[in-house]
PDB file of N, CA and C in Angstrom:
ATOM      1  N   MET A   1     -82.460  -3.906 -37.707  1.00  0.00           N
ATOM      2  CA  MET A   1     -81.390  -3.391 -36.905  1.00  0.00           C
ATOM      3  C   MET A   1     -80.223  -2.920 -37.759  1.00  0.00           C
ATOM      4  N   ALA A   2     -79.873  -3.721 -38.757  1.00  0.00           N
ATOM      5  CA  ALA A   2     -78.749  -3.329 -39.609  1.00  0.00           C
ATOM      6  C   ALA A   2     -79.050  -2.023 -40.332  1.00  0.00           C
ATOM      7  N   ARG A   3     -80.270  -1.877 -40.828  1.00  0.00           N
ATOM      8  CA  ARG A   3     -80.631  -0.650 -41.546  1.00  0.00           C
ATOM      9  C   ARG A   3     -80.567   0.557 -40.604  1.00  0.00           C
ATOM     10  N   LEU A   4     -81.094   0.418 -39.390  1.00  0.00           N
ATOM     11  CA  LEU A   4     -81.072   1.516 -38.424  1.00  0.00           C
ATOM     12  C   LEU A   4     -79.652   1.864 -38.006  1.00  0.00           C
ATOM     13  N   THR A   5     -78.803   0.856 -37.893  1.00  0.00           N
ATOM     14  CA  THR A   5     -77.408   1.092 -37.537  1.00  0.00           C
ATOM     15  C   THR A   5     -76.677   1.764 -38.696  1.00  0.00           C
ATOM     16  N   ALA A   6     -76.918   1.293 -39.898  1.00  0.00           N
ATOM     17  CA  ALA A   6     -76.241   1.846 -41.078  1.00  0.00           C
ATOM     18  C   ALA A   6     -76.633   3.293 -41.326  1.00  0.00           C
ATOM     19  N   ASN A   7     -77.902   3.644 -41.084  1.00  0.00           N
ATOM     20  CA  ASN A   7     -78.324   5.024 -41.372  1.00  0.00           C
ATOM     21  C   ASN A   7     -78.160   5.961 -40.179  1.00  0.00           C
ATOM     22  N   GLY A   8     -77.658   5.442 -39.063  1.00  0.00           N
ATOM     23  CA  GLY A   8     -77.373   6.291 -37.907  1.00  0.00           C
ATOM     24  C   GLY A   8     -78.539   6.502 -36.963  1.00  0.00           C
ATOM     25  N   SER A   9     -79.672   5.853 -37.209  1.00  0.00           N
ATOM     26  CA  SER A   9     -80.824   5.996 -36.320  1.00  0.00           C
ATOM     27  C   SER A   9     -80.642   5.242 -35.008  1.00  0.00           C
ATOM     28  N   LEU A  10     -79.800   4.230 -35.017  1.00  0.00           N
ATOM     29  CA  LEU A  10     -79.505   3.438 -33.834  1.00  0.00           C
ATOM     30  C   LEU A  10     -78.021   3.600 -33.528  1.00  0.00           C
ATOM     31  N   ALA A  11     -77.702   3.860 -32.281  1.00  0.00           N
ATOM     32  CA  ALA A  11     -76.299   4.044 -31.885  1.00  0.00           C
ATOM     33  C   ALA A  11     -75.475   2.832 -32.311  1.00  0.00           C
ATOM     34  N   PRO A  12     -74.263   3.055 -32.834  1.00  0.00           N
ATOM     35  CA  PRO A  12     -73.454   1.958 -33.361  1.00  0.00           C
ATOM     36  C   PRO A  12     -73.174   0.849 -32.355  1.00  0.00           C
ATOM     37  N   GLY A  13     -72.857   1.205 -31.124  1.00  0.00           N
ATOM     38  CA  GLY A  13     -72.598   0.173 -30.117  1.00  0.00           C
ATOM     39  C   GLY A  13     -73.824  -0.667 -29.845  1.00  0.00           C
ATOM     40  N   ALA A  14     -74.964  -0.010 -29.696  1.00  0.00           N
ATOM     41  CA  ALA A  14     -76.218  -0.725 -29.432  1.00  0.00           C
ATOM     42  C   ALA A  14     -76.636  -1.555 -30.644  1.00  0.00           C
ATOM     43  N   GLY A  15     -76.551  -0.969 -31.833  1.00  0.00           N
ATOM     44  CA  GLY A  15     -76.910  -1.698 -33.049  1.00  0.00           C
ATOM     45  C   GLY A  15     -76.013  -2.895 -33.257  1.00  0.00           C
ATOM     46  N   GLY A  16     -74.707  -2.690 -33.065  1.00  0.00           N
ATOM     47  CA  GLY A  16     -73.761  -3.794 -33.211  1.00  0.00           C
ATOM     48  C   GLY A  16     -74.028  -4.898 -32.206  1.00  0.00           C
ATOM     49  N   ASP A  17     -74.377  -4.504 -30.965  1.00  0.00           N
ATOM     50  CA  ASP A  17     -74.700  -5.503 -29.945  1.00  0.00           C
ATOM     51  C   ASP A  17     -75.933  -6.311 -30.339  1.00  0.00           C
ATOM     52  N   LEU A  18     -76.958  -5.637 -30.839  1.00  0.00           N
ATOM     53  CA  LEU A  18     -78.177  -6.336 -31.240  1.00  0.00           C
ATOM     54  C   LEU A  18     -77.928  -7.288 -32.407  1.00  0.00           C
ATOM     55  N   ILE A  19     -77.164  -6.830 -33.381  1.00  0.00           N
ATOM     56  CA  ILE A  19     -76.843  -7.684 -34.529  1.00  0.00           C
ATOM     57  C   ILE A  19     -76.007  -8.873 -34.069  1.00  0.00           C
ATOM     58  N   THR A  20     -75.047  -8.636 -33.168  1.00  0.00           N
ATOM     59  CA  THR A  20     -74.221  -9.713 -32.624  1.00  0.00           C
ATOM     60  C   THR A  20     -75.085 -10.739 -31.896  1.00  0.00           C
ATOM     61  N   PHE A  21     -76.002 -10.253 -31.072  1.00  0.00           N
ATOM     62  CA  PHE A  21     -76.888 -11.144 -30.323  1.00  0.00           C
ATOM     63  C   PHE A  21     -77.719 -12.000 -31.270  1.00  0.00           C
ATOM     64  N   GLU A  22     -78.336 -11.363 -32.242  1.00  0.00           N
ATOM     65  CA  GLU A  22     -79.156 -12.097 -33.207  1.00  0.00           C
ATOM     66  C   GLU A  22     -78.299 -13.056 -34.033  1.00  0.00           C
ATOM     67  N   GLY A  23     -77.062 -12.657 -34.307  1.00  0.00           N
ATOM     68  CA  GLY A  23     -76.153 -13.515 -35.061  1.00  0.00           C
ATOM     69  C   GLY A  23     -75.820 -14.794 -34.317  1.00  0.00           C
ATOM     70  N   GLY A  24     -75.851 -14.732 -32.993  1.00  0.00           N
ATOM     71  CA  GLY A  24     -75.620 -15.934 -32.199  1.00  0.00           C
ATOM     72  C   GLY A  24     -76.674 -16.989 -32.490  1.00  0.00           C
ATOM     73  N   ALA A  25     -77.897 -16.552 -32.698  1.00  0.00           N
ATOM     74  CA  ALA A  25     -78.984 -17.482 -33.022  1.00  0.00           C
ATOM     75  C   ALA A  25     -78.807 -18.095 -34.412  1.00  0.00           C
ATOM     76  N   LEU A  26     -78.007 -17.441 -35.242  1.00  0.00           N
ATOM     77  CA  LEU A  26     -77.746 -17.940 -36.600  1.00  0.00           C
ATOM     78  C   LEU A  26     -76.488 -18.796 -36.662  1.00  0.00           C
ATOM     79  N   GLY A  27     -75.880 -19.057 -35.506  1.00  0.00           N
ATOM     80  CA  GLY A  27     -74.665 -19.860 -35.476  1.00  0.00           C
ATOM     81  C   GLY A  27     -73.410 -19.045 -35.725  1.00  0.00           C
ATOM     82  N   ARG A  28     -73.483 -17.737 -35.489  1.00  0.00           N
ATOM     83  CA  ARG A  28     -72.340 -16.825 -35.652  1.00  0.00           C
ATOM     84  C   ARG A  28     -71.686 -16.936 -37.032  1.00  0.00           C
ATOM     85  N   PRO A  29     -72.406 -16.572 -38.084  1.00  0.00           N
ATOM     86  CA  PRO A  29     -71.831 -16.661 -39.432  1.00  0.00           C
ATOM     87  C   PRO A  29     -70.573 -15.802 -39.578  1.00  0.00           C
ATOM     88  N   ARG A  30     -69.658 -16.283 -40.397  1.00  0.00           N
ATOM     89  CA  ARG A  30     -68.406 -15.547 -40.649  1.00  0.00           C
ATOM     90  C   ARG A  30     -68.662 -14.136 -41.123  1.00  0.00           C
ATOM     91  N   ARG A  31     -69.731 -13.954 -41.849  1.00  0.00           N
ATOM     92  CA  ARG A  31     -70.058 -12.638 -42.415  1.00  0.00           C
ATOM     93  C   ARG A  31     -70.241 -11.574 -41.337  1.00  0.00           C
ATOM     94  N   LEU A  32     -70.536 -11.988 -40.114  1.00  0.00           N
ATOM     95  CA  LEU A  32     -70.713 -11.037 -39.015  1.00  0.00           C
ATOM     96  C   LEU A  32     -69.416 -10.745 -38.256  1.00  0.00           C
ATOM     97  N   ARG A  33     -68.378 -11.503 -38.516  1.00  0.00           N
ATOM     98  CA  ARG A  33     -67.147 -11.414 -37.723  1.00  0.00           C
ATOM     99  C   ARG A  33     -66.593  -9.995 -37.635  1.00  0.00           C
ATOM    100  N   SER A  34     -66.490  -9.308 -38.742  1.00  0.00           N
ATOM    101  CA  SER A  34     -65.919  -7.964 -38.745  1.00  0.00           C
ATOM    102  C   SER A  34     -66.758  -7.001 -37.908  1.00  0.00           C
ATOM    103  N   LEU A  35     -68.067  -7.078 -38.049  1.00  0.00           N
ATOM    104  CA  LEU A  35     -68.947  -6.211 -37.265  1.00  0.00           C
ATOM    105  C   LEU A  35     -68.826  -6.530 -35.775  1.00  0.00           C
ATOM    106  N   VAL A  36     -68.771  -7.806 -35.428  1.00  0.00           N
ATOM    107  CA  VAL A  36     -68.648  -8.213 -34.025  1.00  0.00           C
ATOM    108  C   VAL A  36     -67.346  -7.687 -33.439  1.00  0.00           C
ATOM    109  N   GLU A  37     -66.242  -7.811 -34.168  1.00  0.00           N
ATOM    110  CA  GLU A  37     -64.947  -7.342 -33.681  1.00  0.00           C
ATOM    111  C   GLU A  37     -64.947  -5.828 -33.478  1.00  0.00           C
ATOM    112  N   LYS A  38     -65.508  -5.095 -34.419  1.00  0.00           N
ATOM    113  CA  LYS A  38     -65.567  -3.634 -34.302  1.00  0.00           C
ATOM    114  C   LYS A  38     -66.467  -3.213 -33.148  1.00  0.00           C
ATOM    115  N   THR A  39     -67.580  -3.912 -32.965  1.00  0.00           N
ATOM    116  CA  THR A  39     -68.491  -3.607 -31.868  1.00  0.00           C
ATOM    117  C   THR A  39     -67.824  -3.882 -30.525  1.00  0.00           C
ATOM    118  N   ASP A  40     -67.146  -5.010 -30.409  1.00  0.00           N
ATOM    119  CA  ASP A  40     -66.441  -5.327 -29.166  1.00  0.00           C
ATOM    120  C   ASP A  40     -65.392  -4.270 -28.847  1.00  0.00           C
ATOM    121  N   ALA A  41     -64.631  -3.845 -29.850  1.00  0.00           N
ATOM    122  CA  ALA A  41     -63.614  -2.811 -29.644  1.00  0.00           C
ATOM    123  C   ALA A  41     -64.268  -1.491 -29.252  1.00  0.00           C
ATOM    124  N   HIS A  42     -65.354  -1.122 -29.928  1.00  0.00           N
ATOM    125  CA  HIS A  42     -66.077   0.129 -29.641  1.00  0.00           C
ATOM    126  C   HIS A  42     -66.577   0.158 -28.205  1.00  0.00           C
ATOM    127  N   ASN A  43     -67.015  -0.980 -27.701  1.00  0.00           N
ATOM    128  CA  ASN A  43     -67.594  -1.052 -26.361  1.00  0.00           C
ATOM    129  C   ASN A  43     -66.565  -1.243 -25.253  1.00  0.00           C
ATOM    130  N   ASP A  44     -65.297  -1.378 -25.605  1.00  0.00           N
ATOM    131  CA  ASP A  44     -64.235  -1.545 -24.605  1.00  0.00           C
ATOM    132  C   ASP A  44     -63.726  -0.164 -24.185  1.00  0.00           C
ATOM    133  N   TRP A  45     -64.433   0.445 -23.251  1.00  0.00           N
ATOM    134  CA  TRP A  45     -64.144   1.827 -22.841  1.00  0.00           C
ATOM    135  C   TRP A  45     -62.737   1.996 -22.281  1.00  0.00           C
ATOM    136  N   ALA A  46     -62.167   0.959 -21.680  1.00  0.00           N
ATOM    137  CA  ALA A  46     -60.834   1.066 -21.086  1.00  0.00           C
ATOM    138  C   ALA A  46     -59.735   1.089 -22.145  1.00  0.00           C
ATOM    139  N   ALA A  47     -59.988   0.500 -23.304  1.00  0.00           N
ATOM    140  CA  ALA A  47     -58.946   0.338 -24.308  1.00  0.00           C
ATOM    141  C   ALA A  47     -59.022   1.329 -25.464  1.00  0.00           C
ATOM    142  N   VAL A  48     -60.163   1.982 -25.651  1.00  0.00           N
ATOM    143  CA  VAL A  48     -60.356   2.810 -26.845  1.00  0.00           C
ATOM    144  C   VAL A  48     -60.542   4.269 -26.449  1.00  0.00           C
ATOM    145  N   GLY A  49     -59.792   5.143 -27.117  1.00  0.00           N
ATOM    146  CA  GLY A  49     -59.922   6.574 -26.874  1.00  0.00           C
ATOM    147  C   GLY A  49     -61.097   7.161 -27.639  1.00  0.00           C
ATOM    148  N   PRO A  50     -61.492   8.389 -27.311  1.00  0.00           N
ATOM    149  CA  PRO A  50     -62.652   9.021 -27.948  1.00  0.00           C
ATOM    150  C   PRO A  50     -62.556   9.094 -29.476  1.00  0.00           C
ATOM    151  N   GLY A  51     -61.411   9.482 -30.009  1.00  0.00           N
ATOM    152  CA  GLY A  51     -61.263   9.559 -31.462  1.00  0.00           C
ATOM    153  C   GLY A  51     -61.379   8.198 -32.121  1.00  0.00           C
ATOM    154  N   ASP A  52     -60.810   7.193 -31.471  1.00  0.00           N
ATOM    155  CA  ASP A  52     -60.904   5.829 -32.004  1.00  0.00           C
ATOM    156  C   ASP A  52     -62.339   5.334 -31.943  1.00  0.00           C
ATOM    157  N   ARG A  53     -63.055   5.704 -30.898  1.00  0.00           N
ATOM    158  CA  ARG A  53     -64.446   5.271 -30.754  1.00  0.00           C
ATOM    159  C   ARG A  53     -65.298   5.816 -31.893  1.00  0.00           C
ATOM    160  N   GLU A  54     -65.081   7.079 -32.257  1.00  0.00           N
ATOM    161  CA  GLU A  54     -65.827   7.673 -33.370  1.00  0.00           C
ATOM    162  C   GLU A  54     -65.516   6.947 -34.675  1.00  0.00           C
ATOM    163  N   ASN A  55     -64.252   6.625 -34.889  1.00  0.00           N
ATOM    164  CA  ASN A  55     -63.850   5.893 -36.086  1.00  0.00           C
ATOM    165  C   ASN A  55     -64.513   4.515 -36.111  1.00  0.00           C
ATOM    166  N   LEU A  56     -64.497   3.825 -34.979  1.00  0.00           N
ATOM    167  CA  LEU A  56     -65.128   2.510 -34.909  1.00  0.00           C
ATOM    168  C   LEU A  56     -66.636   2.615 -35.125  1.00  0.00           C
ATOM    169  N   ALA A  57     -67.247   3.674 -34.604  1.00  0.00           N
ATOM    170  CA  ALA A  57     -68.688   3.876 -34.803  1.00  0.00           C
ATOM    171  C   ALA A  57     -68.997   3.989 -36.294  1.00  0.00           C
ATOM    172  N   ASP A  58     -68.185   4.752 -37.005  1.00  0.00           N
ATOM    173  CA  ASP A  58     -68.383   4.886 -38.458  1.00  0.00           C
ATOM    174  C   ASP A  58     -68.227   3.540 -39.152  1.00  0.00           C
ATOM    175  N   ARG A  59     -67.230   2.786 -38.739  1.00  0.00           N
ATOM    176  CA  ARG A  59     -66.969   1.487 -39.365  1.00  0.00           C
ATOM    177  C   ARG A  59     -68.063   0.465 -39.053  1.00  0.00           C
ATOM    178  N   ILE A  60     -68.663   0.553 -37.863  1.00  0.00           N
ATOM    179  CA  ILE A  60     -69.790  -0.325 -37.530  1.00  0.00           C
ATOM    180  C   ILE A  60     -70.956  -0.023 -38.468  1.00  0.00           C
ATOM    181  N   GLY A  61     -71.214   1.264 -38.687  1.00  0.00           N
ATOM    182  CA  GLY A  61     -72.277   1.654 -39.619  1.00  0.00           C
ATOM    183  C   GLY A  61     -72.013   1.141 -41.024  1.00  0.00           C
ATOM    184  N   GLU A  62     -70.758   1.210 -41.468  1.00  0.00           N
ATOM    185  CA  GLU A  62     -70.398   0.709 -42.793  1.00  0.00           C
ATOM    186  C   GLU A  62     -70.603  -0.811 -42.879  1.00  0.00           C
ATOM    187  N   GLU A  63     -70.189  -1.522 -41.829  1.00  0.00           N
ATOM    188  CA  GLU A  63     -70.364  -2.976 -41.812  1.00  0.00           C
ATOM    189  C   GLU A  63     -71.850  -3.339 -41.834  1.00  0.00           C
ATOM    190  N   ALA A  64     -72.655  -2.600 -41.099  1.00  0.00           N
ATOM    191  CA  ALA A  64     -74.099  -2.859 -41.106  1.00  0.00           C
ATOM    192  C   ALA A  64     -74.650  -2.655 -42.516  1.00  0.00           C
ATOM    193  N   GLY A  65     -74.162  -1.634 -43.200  1.00  0.00           N
ATOM    194  CA  GLY A  65     -74.589  -1.398 -44.584  1.00  0.00           C
ATOM    195  C   GLY A  65     -74.197  -2.541 -45.499  1.00  0.00           C
ATOM    196  N   ARG A  66     -73.011  -3.108 -45.300  1.00  0.00           N
ATOM    197  CA  ARG A  66     -72.571  -4.249 -46.107  1.00  0.00           C
ATOM    198  C   ARG A  66     -73.471  -5.464 -45.866  1.00  0.00           C
ATOM    199  N   LEU A  67     -73.894  -5.621 -44.613  1.00  0.00           N
ATOM    200  CA  LEU A  67     -74.798  -6.745 -44.318  1.00  0.00           C
ATOM    201  C   LEU A  67     -76.098  -6.611 -45.097  1.00  0.00           C
ATOM    202  N   LEU A  68     -76.566  -5.393 -45.261  1.00  0.00           N
ATOM    203  CA  LEU A  68     -77.805  -5.169 -46.008  1.00  0.00           C
ATOM    204  C   LEU A  68     -77.663  -5.556 -47.474  1.00  0.00           C
ATOM    205  N   ASP A  69     -76.454  -5.464 -47.998  1.00  0.00           N
ATOM    206  CA  ASP A  69     -76.208  -5.800 -49.396  1.00  0.00           C
ATOM    207  C   ASP A  69     -76.083  -7.298 -49.636  1.00  0.00           C
ATOM    208  N   GLY A  70     -75.942  -8.079 -48.558  1.00  0.00           N
ATOM    209  CA  GLY A  70     -75.745  -9.521 -48.705  1.00  0.00           C
ATOM    210  C   GLY A  70     -77.022 -10.298 -48.446  1.00  0.00           C
ATOM    211  N   PRO A  71     -76.881 -11.607 -48.392  1.00  0.00           N
ATOM    212  CA  PRO A  71     -78.056 -12.459 -48.161  1.00  0.00           C
ATOM    213  C   PRO A  71     -78.615 -12.260 -46.758  1.00  0.00           C
ATOM    214  N   ARG A  72     -79.920 -12.450 -46.637  1.00  0.00           N
ATOM    215  CA  ARG A  72     -80.561 -12.355 -45.318  1.00  0.00           C
ATOM    216  C   ARG A  72     -81.304 -13.634 -45.046  1.00  0.00           C
ATOM    217  N   PRO A  73     -81.084 -14.223 -43.912  1.00  0.00           N
ATOM    218  CA  PRO A  73     -80.109 -13.824 -42.912  1.00  0.00           C
ATOM    219  C   PRO A  73     -78.693 -14.086 -43.416  1.00  0.00           C
ATOM    220  N   PRO A  74     -77.708 -13.389 -42.804  1.00  0.00           N
ATOM    221  CA  PRO A  74     -76.321 -13.584 -43.247  1.00  0.00           C
ATOM    222  C   PRO A  74     -75.892 -15.040 -43.043  1.00  0.00           C
ATOM    223  N   ARG A  75     -75.212 -15.548 -44.031  1.00  0.00           N
ATOM    224  CA  ARG A  75     -74.707 -16.919 -43.958  1.00  0.00           C
ATOM    225  C   ARG A  75     -73.225 -16.912 -44.244  1.00  0.00           C
ATOM    226  N   GLY A  76     -72.582 -17.966 -43.765  1.00  0.00           N
ATOM    227  CA  GLY A  76     -71.171 -18.185 -44.086  1.00  0.00           C
ATOM    228  C   GLY A  76     -70.228 -17.112 -43.835  1.00  0.00           C
TER     229      GLY A  76
END
């Protein structure tokens, strides 16, 4: 999921949601916090404008890429 989100094959909101869900099974490691926060903001249609959503989408992809560079599964 992280690879598909990072390379743009999976929509950032959907990819972030899937990673967040799976992260719950891992005890919500701190390493996922930034991605979870960006995904939550991206999915809050009432609070985020279109330009901000695109920016958050890019940042979700970047966070997914960072997860790929770290330990798997993400810890701490």
